[in-house]
Protein backbone atom coordinates (compact mmCIF):
# COMPACT_ATOMS: atom_id res chain seq x y z
CA UNK A 1 -109.76 76.44 -144.25
CA UNK A 2 -109.67 74.09 -141.62
CA UNK A 3 -107.12 71.40 -141.81
CA UNK A 4 -107.75 68.01 -140.17
CA UNK A 5 -104.22 67.61 -138.08
CA UNK A 6 -102.24 64.92 -139.25
CA UNK A 7 -99.64 62.92 -136.32
CA UNK A 8 -96.83 60.36 -138.08
CA UNK A 9 -95.48 57.67 -135.73
CA UNK A 10 -92.05 55.81 -136.25
CA UNK A 11 -88.99 54.87 -134.47
CA UNK A 12 -87.18 57.39 -135.17
CA UNK A 13 -87.10 60.99 -136.87
CA UNK A 14 -84.65 63.54 -137.95
CA UNK A 15 -80.96 62.15 -137.54
CA UNK A 16 -81.26 59.13 -139.45
CA UNK A 17 -82.07 58.75 -143.44
CA UNK A 18 -83.13 55.15 -143.77
CA UNK A 19 -86.12 54.55 -146.28
CA UNK A 20 -88.76 54.81 -144.54
CA UNK A 21 -87.85 57.78 -142.51
CA UNK A 22 -87.16 59.90 -145.13
CA UNK A 23 -90.57 59.21 -146.67
CA UNK A 24 -91.88 60.49 -143.20
CA UNK A 25 -89.81 63.53 -142.72
CA UNK A 26 -89.96 64.70 -146.35
CA UNK A 27 -93.90 64.08 -146.50
CA UNK A 28 -94.51 65.55 -142.92
CA UNK A 29 -92.14 68.76 -144.00
CA UNK A 30 -94.01 69.13 -147.21
CA UNK A 31 -97.54 68.89 -145.97
CA UNK A 32 -96.19 71.36 -143.29
CA UNK A 33 -95.07 73.98 -145.73
CA UNK A 34 -98.57 73.61 -147.31
CA UNK A 35 -99.84 74.49 -144.47
CA UNK A 36 -101.00 71.59 -142.89
CA UNK A 37 -101.14 71.21 -139.35
CA UNK A 38 -98.45 68.20 -138.90
CA UNK A 39 -96.81 66.65 -135.85
CA UNK A 40 -94.33 63.87 -135.43
CA UNK A 41 -94.72 61.06 -132.62
CA UNK A 42 -91.03 59.50 -132.15
CA UNK A 43 -88.38 57.94 -130.17
CA UNK A 44 -85.39 59.33 -128.24
CA UNK A 45 -83.22 56.68 -129.81
CA UNK A 46 -81.42 58.50 -131.97
CA UNK A 47 -81.12 55.92 -135.23
CA UNK A 48 -81.35 52.14 -135.80
CA UNK A 49 -77.33 51.76 -135.52
CA UNK A 50 -77.82 52.83 -131.64
CA UNK A 51 -79.12 50.43 -128.24
CA UNK A 52 -83.18 50.78 -128.56
CA UNK A 53 -83.32 50.52 -125.59
CA UNK A 54 -81.44 53.46 -124.38
CA UNK A 55 -82.55 57.19 -125.14
CA UNK A 56 -79.64 59.03 -126.86
CA UNK A 57 -82.04 62.49 -127.43
CA UNK A 58 -83.50 64.52 -124.61
CA UNK A 59 -87.83 63.74 -124.28
CA UNK A 60 -90.00 66.98 -124.86
CA UNK A 61 -91.16 68.72 -128.22
CA UNK A 62 -89.17 70.90 -130.98
CA UNK A 63 -89.11 72.57 -134.24
CA UNK A 64 -87.62 70.61 -137.74
CA UNK A 65 -88.14 72.19 -140.77
CA UNK A 66 -92.07 73.42 -140.00
CA UNK A 67 -92.63 70.39 -138.12
CA UNK A 68 -93.41 69.79 -134.49
CA UNK A 69 -91.59 66.91 -133.24
CA UNK A 70 -92.28 65.11 -129.95
CA UNK A 71 -89.79 62.82 -128.89
CA UNK A 72 -90.53 60.02 -125.80
CA UNK A 73 -88.55 57.52 -123.95
CA UNK A 74 -88.12 53.94 -125.35
CA UNK A 75 -88.96 50.99 -123.26
CA UNK A 76 -85.96 49.72 -121.36
CA UNK A 77 -86.77 46.31 -120.90
CA UNK A 78 -86.73 43.15 -123.33
CA UNK A 79 -83.82 43.74 -124.77
CA UNK A 80 -82.32 39.99 -124.09
CA UNK A 81 -85.75 38.46 -125.70
CA UNK A 82 -85.51 40.54 -128.66
CA UNK A 83 -82.32 39.02 -129.58
CA UNK A 84 -82.94 35.89 -129.13
CA UNK A 85 -86.03 35.81 -131.51
CA UNK A 86 -83.80 37.81 -134.22
CA UNK A 87 -80.91 35.45 -133.29
CA UNK A 88 -83.17 33.04 -135.33
CA UNK A 89 -84.25 35.11 -137.93
CA UNK A 90 -80.75 36.25 -138.74
CA UNK A 91 -79.85 32.36 -139.19
CA UNK A 92 -83.26 31.50 -141.44
CA UNK A 93 -85.01 29.58 -138.81
CA UNK A 94 -88.90 29.77 -139.67
CA UNK A 95 -89.86 31.19 -135.89
CA UNK A 96 -93.76 30.44 -134.25
CA UNK A 97 -96.17 32.79 -133.25
CA UNK A 98 -94.30 32.99 -129.64
CA UNK A 99 -91.44 33.92 -131.07
CA UNK A 100 -92.92 35.91 -133.54
CA UNK A 101 -94.48 38.07 -130.75
CA UNK A 102 -91.56 38.25 -128.63
CA UNK A 103 -89.49 39.69 -131.66
CA UNK A 104 -93.00 42.72 -131.77
CA UNK A 105 -93.35 42.63 -128.15
CA UNK A 106 -89.64 43.80 -127.12
CA UNK A 107 -88.07 45.72 -130.55
CA UNK A 108 -87.95 49.38 -130.39
CA UNK A 109 -90.77 50.79 -128.17
CA UNK A 110 -92.59 53.47 -126.55
CA UNK A 111 -95.05 53.20 -123.82
CA UNK A 112 -95.19 56.90 -123.42
CA UNK A 113 -95.47 57.69 -127.10
CA UNK A 114 -98.49 55.10 -127.09
CA UNK A 115 -100.24 56.80 -123.83
CA UNK A 116 -99.69 60.04 -125.12
CA UNK A 117 -101.18 59.32 -128.62
CA UNK A 118 -104.36 57.46 -127.37
CA UNK A 119 -105.19 60.03 -125.51
CA UNK A 120 -104.25 63.07 -127.86
CA UNK A 121 -105.03 62.01 -131.79
CA UNK A 122 -108.73 61.99 -131.21
CA UNK A 123 -109.64 63.63 -134.38
CA UNK A 124 -106.00 63.33 -136.31
CA UNK A 125 -105.04 61.52 -139.02
CA UNK A 126 -102.81 59.15 -137.54
CA UNK A 127 -99.88 57.01 -139.98
CA UNK A 128 -97.44 54.80 -138.50
CA UNK A 129 -94.22 53.53 -140.26
CA UNK A 130 -92.77 51.33 -140.94
CA UNK A 131 -94.63 48.16 -140.28
CA UNK A 132 -92.02 45.89 -139.26
CA UNK A 133 -91.29 47.65 -135.35
CA UNK A 134 -93.13 47.36 -132.58
CA UNK A 135 -93.77 50.81 -132.18
CA UNK A 136 -96.06 50.94 -135.11
CA UNK A 137 -97.92 47.59 -134.09
CA UNK A 138 -98.38 48.88 -130.48
CA UNK A 139 -100.03 52.50 -132.27
CA UNK A 140 -101.86 50.17 -134.34
CA UNK A 141 -103.14 47.77 -132.15
CA UNK A 142 -103.93 50.68 -129.18
CA UNK A 143 -105.72 53.58 -131.54
CA UNK A 144 -107.81 50.04 -132.73
CA UNK A 145 -108.78 50.50 -136.12
CA UNK A 146 -107.89 54.55 -135.77
CA UNK A 147 -104.46 54.47 -137.03
CA UNK A 148 -103.39 54.37 -140.91
CA UNK A 149 -100.18 52.53 -142.00
CA UNK A 150 -97.47 53.23 -144.28
CA UNK A 151 -96.03 49.84 -144.21
CA UNK A 152 -92.78 49.67 -146.42
CA UNK A 153 -93.20 46.27 -147.31
CA UNK A 154 -90.96 43.74 -148.81
CA UNK A 155 -90.50 39.97 -149.18
CA UNK A 156 -89.14 39.04 -145.61
CA UNK A 157 -89.86 36.79 -142.99
CA UNK A 158 -91.82 39.66 -141.12
CA UNK A 159 -93.84 39.53 -143.74
CA UNK A 160 -95.99 36.59 -143.31
CA UNK A 161 -96.10 36.65 -139.24
CA UNK A 162 -99.46 36.83 -137.67
CA UNK A 163 -98.63 40.40 -136.09
CA UNK A 164 -98.33 41.78 -139.57
CA UNK A 165 -101.98 40.29 -140.05
CA UNK A 166 -102.75 41.66 -137.19
CA UNK A 167 -101.86 44.80 -138.34
CA UNK A 168 -103.07 44.82 -141.75
CA UNK A 169 -106.79 43.78 -140.48
CA UNK A 170 -107.11 46.77 -137.91
CA UNK A 171 -105.29 49.30 -139.98
CA UNK A 172 -107.97 52.65 -140.72
CA UNK A 173 -105.88 53.12 -144.14
CA UNK A 174 -102.93 51.20 -145.98
CA UNK A 175 -100.70 53.49 -148.17
CA UNK A 176 -98.55 52.68 -150.22
CA UNK A 177 -95.14 53.24 -151.95
CA UNK A 178 -95.56 51.33 -155.30
CA UNK A 179 -97.43 49.48 -157.54
CA UNK A 180 -95.61 46.18 -156.61
CA UNK A 181 -95.74 46.76 -152.84
CA UNK A 182 -99.28 46.62 -153.13
CA UNK A 183 -99.73 43.23 -155.59
CA UNK A 184 -97.15 41.66 -152.54
CA UNK A 185 -99.57 43.14 -149.97
CA UNK A 186 -102.61 41.74 -152.15
CA UNK A 187 -101.01 38.52 -152.77
CA UNK A 188 -99.90 38.06 -148.39
CA UNK A 189 -103.38 39.64 -147.16
CA UNK A 190 -106.33 39.87 -149.95
CA UNK A 191 -108.67 37.26 -148.17
CA UNK A 192 -108.32 38.36 -144.71
CA UNK A 193 -108.28 42.53 -145.51
CA UNK A 194 -110.62 42.04 -149.06
CA UNK A 195 -111.81 45.30 -150.60
CA UNK A 196 -110.04 47.58 -148.44
CA UNK A 197 -106.89 46.78 -149.28
CA UNK A 198 -107.68 46.16 -153.37
CA UNK A 199 -108.99 49.83 -152.99
CA UNK A 200 -105.65 50.76 -150.95
CA UNK A 201 -103.74 54.10 -152.21
CA UNK A 202 -100.59 53.99 -154.09
CA UNK A 203 -98.94 57.09 -152.49
CA UNK A 204 -94.91 56.98 -153.50
CA UNK A 205 -92.49 59.66 -152.26
CA UNK A 206 -92.27 62.98 -153.70
CA UNK A 207 -88.32 63.19 -155.16
CA UNK A 208 -86.79 67.07 -155.88
CA UNK A 209 -82.97 67.79 -155.70
CA UNK A 210 -82.30 70.57 -153.82
CA UNK A 211 -82.67 74.42 -155.93
CA UNK A 212 -79.04 75.09 -155.85
CA UNK A 213 -78.48 71.62 -156.92
CA UNK A 214 -81.20 71.70 -159.59
CA UNK A 215 -79.21 75.01 -161.18
CA UNK A 216 -76.02 73.62 -160.65
CA UNK A 217 -76.21 70.61 -162.98
CA UNK A 218 -78.76 72.58 -165.39
CA UNK A 219 -75.98 74.83 -166.64
CA UNK A 220 -73.73 71.46 -167.42
CA UNK A 221 -71.03 73.47 -166.21
CA UNK A 222 -67.63 71.26 -166.63
CA UNK A 223 -65.85 72.99 -164.63
CA UNK A 224 -68.29 71.22 -161.48
CA UNK A 225 -67.29 67.95 -162.87
CA UNK A 226 -63.35 68.83 -162.73
CA UNK A 227 -63.77 70.08 -159.51
CA UNK A 228 -65.47 67.41 -157.86
CA UNK A 229 -63.38 64.82 -159.11
CA UNK A 230 -60.08 66.77 -158.14
CA UNK A 231 -61.54 67.35 -154.66
CA UNK A 232 -62.21 63.43 -154.01
CA UNK A 233 -59.45 62.50 -155.98
CA UNK A 234 -62.10 60.44 -158.15
CA UNK A 235 -61.02 58.24 -161.07
CA UNK A 236 -62.29 59.72 -165.21
CA UNK A 237 -64.59 56.65 -165.17
CA UNK A 238 -66.54 55.18 -162.13
CA UNK A 239 -69.64 53.79 -161.16
CA UNK A 240 -71.82 54.88 -157.71
CA UNK A 241 -73.51 52.89 -154.61
CA UNK A 242 -75.25 55.28 -152.91
CA UNK A 243 -76.65 54.01 -149.60
CA UNK A 244 -75.63 51.44 -146.37
CA UNK A 245 -72.83 49.36 -146.47
CA UNK A 246 -74.64 46.41 -145.43
CA UNK A 247 -75.25 42.57 -145.99
CA UNK A 248 -79.00 43.02 -145.98
CA UNK A 249 -78.64 45.47 -149.10
CA UNK A 250 -76.90 42.74 -150.95
CA UNK A 251 -73.66 43.89 -150.97
CA UNK A 252 -71.47 41.00 -151.05
CA UNK A 253 -73.15 40.00 -154.40
CA UNK A 254 -72.30 43.89 -155.78
CA UNK A 255 -68.69 43.40 -154.47
CA UNK A 256 -68.61 39.91 -155.74
CA UNK A 257 -70.15 41.11 -159.38
CA UNK A 258 -67.54 44.43 -159.63
CA UNK A 259 -64.46 42.18 -158.97
CA UNK A 260 -65.73 39.67 -161.88
CA UNK A 261 -65.71 42.77 -163.68
CA UNK A 262 -62.15 43.56 -162.51
CA UNK A 263 -61.08 40.21 -163.51
CA UNK A 264 -62.55 40.77 -167.40
CA UNK A 265 -60.54 43.62 -167.77
CA UNK A 266 -62.89 46.22 -167.02
CA UNK A 267 -61.37 49.66 -165.99
CA UNK A 268 -64.25 51.69 -164.44
CA UNK A 269 -63.86 51.85 -160.39
CA UNK A 270 -66.70 51.81 -157.63
CA UNK A 271 -67.30 54.50 -155.56
CA UNK A 272 -69.33 53.97 -152.21
CA UNK A 273 -71.44 56.74 -150.76
CA UNK A 274 -73.02 56.32 -147.51
CA UNK A 275 -72.47 54.66 -144.09
CA UNK A 276 -72.59 51.30 -142.71
CA UNK A 277 -69.84 48.54 -142.48
CA UNK A 278 -66.61 49.88 -144.42
CA UNK A 279 -65.12 46.61 -143.63
CA UNK A 280 -67.29 44.53 -146.45
CA UNK A 281 -65.56 46.48 -148.93
CA UNK A 282 -62.34 44.84 -150.83
CA UNK A 283 -59.31 46.88 -149.71
CA UNK A 284 -57.99 47.12 -153.35
CA UNK A 285 -57.67 49.28 -156.47
CA UNK A 286 -61.38 49.90 -157.72
CA UNK A 287 -63.18 50.22 -154.48
CA UNK A 288 -63.39 53.56 -153.58
CA UNK A 289 -65.53 54.34 -150.20
CA UNK A 290 -65.87 58.21 -149.53
CA UNK A 291 -68.72 58.03 -146.31
CA UNK A 292 -70.93 60.49 -145.63
CA UNK A 293 -70.67 64.00 -147.40
CA UNK A 294 -72.06 67.38 -147.73
CA UNK A 295 -75.26 66.99 -149.80
CA UNK A 296 -74.12 69.19 -152.41
CA UNK A 297 -70.79 67.03 -152.98
CA UNK A 298 -72.95 63.72 -153.21
CA UNK A 299 -74.99 64.56 -156.01
CA UNK A 300 -72.62 66.42 -157.93
CA UNK A 301 -70.34 63.04 -157.42
CA UNK A 302 -73.71 61.32 -158.67
CA UNK A 303 -73.94 62.92 -161.74
CA UNK A 304 -70.74 62.19 -162.73
CA UNK A 305 -70.87 58.60 -162.36
CA UNK A 306 -71.44 56.77 -165.80
CA UNK A 307 -74.08 54.75 -163.42
CA UNK A 308 -75.47 54.27 -160.05
CA UNK A 309 -75.80 50.09 -158.99
CA UNK A 310 -78.64 49.26 -156.36
CA UNK A 311 -78.51 45.43 -156.18
CA UNK A 312 -80.21 45.12 -152.71
CA UNK A 313 -83.88 42.91 -153.29
CA UNK A 314 -85.30 44.38 -150.22
CA UNK A 315 -86.71 47.87 -151.48
CA UNK A 316 -90.03 49.31 -150.61
CA UNK A 317 -89.38 52.64 -152.64
CA UNK A 318 -85.50 52.95 -153.25
CA UNK A 319 -84.85 56.74 -153.17
CA UNK A 320 -81.64 56.92 -154.86
CA UNK A 321 -82.69 55.58 -158.46
CA UNK A 322 -84.74 58.61 -158.21
CA UNK A 323 -82.11 60.69 -157.31
CA UNK A 324 -79.55 59.09 -160.01
CA UNK A 325 -82.29 59.81 -162.48
CA UNK A 326 -82.52 63.44 -161.54
CA UNK A 327 -78.99 63.42 -161.65
CA UNK A 328 -79.47 62.35 -165.59
CA UNK A 329 -77.34 59.04 -164.82
CA UNK A 330 -78.53 55.54 -165.24
CA UNK A 331 -79.13 52.60 -162.82
CA UNK A 332 -77.88 48.45 -163.02
CA UNK A 333 -80.61 47.36 -160.50
CA UNK A 334 -81.18 43.15 -158.87
CA UNK A 335 -84.09 41.51 -160.66
CA UNK A 336 -84.81 39.96 -157.70
CA UNK A 337 -86.59 43.44 -156.25
CA UNK A 338 -90.01 43.63 -157.86
CA UNK A 339 -89.78 47.42 -156.87
CA UNK A 340 -86.29 48.53 -158.63
CA UNK A 341 -86.88 46.12 -161.29
CA UNK A 342 -90.45 47.73 -161.75
CA UNK A 343 -89.23 51.42 -161.68
CA UNK A 344 -86.74 50.32 -164.08
CA UNK A 345 -89.17 49.04 -166.35
CA UNK A 346 -91.64 51.33 -166.53
CA UNK A 347 -89.54 54.09 -167.05
CA UNK A 348 -87.19 52.27 -169.28
CA UNK A 349 -83.91 54.30 -166.86
CA UNK A 350 -82.21 51.65 -166.14
CA UNK A 351 -81.26 47.74 -166.34
CA UNK A 352 -82.30 45.05 -164.36
CA UNK A 353 -79.98 41.78 -163.81
CA UNK A 354 -79.81 38.78 -161.75
CA UNK A 355 -76.26 37.31 -162.58
CA UNK A 356 -72.58 38.53 -162.92
CA UNK A 357 -73.06 37.64 -166.92
CA UNK A 358 -76.04 40.26 -167.12
CA UNK A 359 -74.21 42.60 -164.57
CA UNK A 360 -71.09 42.69 -166.64
CA UNK A 361 -72.62 43.51 -169.56
CA UNK A 362 -75.17 46.15 -168.22
CA UNK A 363 -71.76 47.84 -167.30
CA UNK A 364 -70.72 47.69 -170.94
CA UNK A 365 -73.97 49.00 -172.09
CA UNK A 366 -74.10 51.98 -169.53
CA UNK A 367 -70.00 52.72 -170.63
CA UNK A 368 -71.64 54.11 -173.73
CA UNK A 369 -72.52 57.52 -173.36
CA UNK A 370 -75.20 58.00 -176.12
CA UNK A 371 -76.68 54.78 -175.20
CA UNK A 372 -76.60 55.97 -171.27
CA UNK A 373 -77.89 59.28 -171.76
CA UNK A 374 -81.10 58.88 -173.50
CA UNK A 375 -81.55 55.96 -170.23
CA UNK A 376 -81.25 58.53 -168.39
CA UNK A 377 -83.42 60.79 -169.76
CA UNK A 378 -86.15 58.48 -169.83
CA UNK A 379 -85.66 57.96 -165.94
CA UNK A 380 -85.40 61.45 -165.56
CA UNK A 381 -88.61 61.77 -167.27
CA UNK A 382 -90.35 59.37 -164.90
CA UNK A 383 -89.60 60.83 -161.87
CA UNK A 384 -90.54 64.04 -163.32
CA UNK A 385 -94.28 62.77 -164.44
CA UNK A 386 -94.46 60.43 -161.39
CA UNK A 387 -92.94 61.31 -158.12
CA UNK A 388 -93.46 65.70 -158.39
CA UNK A 389 -93.94 66.41 -154.36
CA UNK A 390 -97.31 68.00 -155.80
CA UNK A 391 -98.71 64.87 -157.20
CA UNK A 392 -97.41 62.92 -154.31
CA UNK A 393 -99.36 64.86 -151.82
CA UNK A 394 -102.24 65.45 -153.86
CA UNK A 395 -102.43 61.32 -153.90
CA UNK A 396 -101.95 61.26 -150.02
CA UNK A 397 -104.56 63.68 -149.19
CA UNK A 398 -106.98 61.54 -151.35
CA UNK A 399 -106.26 58.90 -149.79
CA UNK A 400 -105.82 59.94 -146.16
CA UNK A 401 -109.06 62.20 -146.14
CA UNK A 402 -110.98 59.59 -147.17
CA UNK A 403 -110.66 57.84 -144.17
């Protein structure tokens, strides 16, 4: 069977594991495994933590896990103009259309990539993500109705910008990761986009543990738990945070709440896995930063935690919740994030909180092994029923091919 080629467009690919980037990479790889003709167009910038106006990777074509990846040089002009607009956003200043366009037009972009897409993706299913960067905006504008987007919305100033409205109006298809994200989009763009938005599909992201990790966890062997704790000198009782140590992830609230828990006599520690700014963490007992770890060690540590904590209010899916549930531990989320709260309420696998007092109460609940196991079991069942790769691919294809 001759499938229509599928092209994903995203600013970073292969070397950075942000939420949208993981969604793009994993979806592309799963489609390629199933025999679909898949390519990714991306830039020569390695990650969002490097200069967006400089090339750190060579341009050209490579194969990554069965996916054809084409890299193009970034635009090297406009850095100062971007930072001028971004400075106002960071400081909570509401910006007008001029600065909205200045931000988007001088965000990470690649005219070489856009030129290639215009000439070489006729007849393809083209999907850009996430919505917030100039590359996605330029793609949707240049292809003028041929490109779809997987926006990865959460509530932030850019959601209300005219440039975002233009993208929504011009997109062929709009693919959402959660029902909460779709509801947010309808509230913001329902009148502009109309029925097409209401009928847009919720795709989700497939989440499955690597086979060797799954087999190891399924054995329920107490030796590996002792070994991993000994290897990293972990305490007997701890909770885990997985992801970037970043103010935008509400990390300061997490630290404050956990310090209050300690001051009230709490004995568990908080272990951090992942990158970001280690200087945000207090240099005191009970806060342990392990940084990036091998994948097997990461999952083993998660499986030994009393729970995973993610208090970010800016999530469009939250892969780490799904991974925690597959590792059979419950979660704590912030009620200010509709997406993660929705996952917890729909699965009954976690506890949403909105204050330090509620946080401490949640930690107490998850410290009870019987209750913790019940919540984790509900969460695992939720992931396996909604976010297996077969079900996600099926929803994706039904939506993409109807365009």
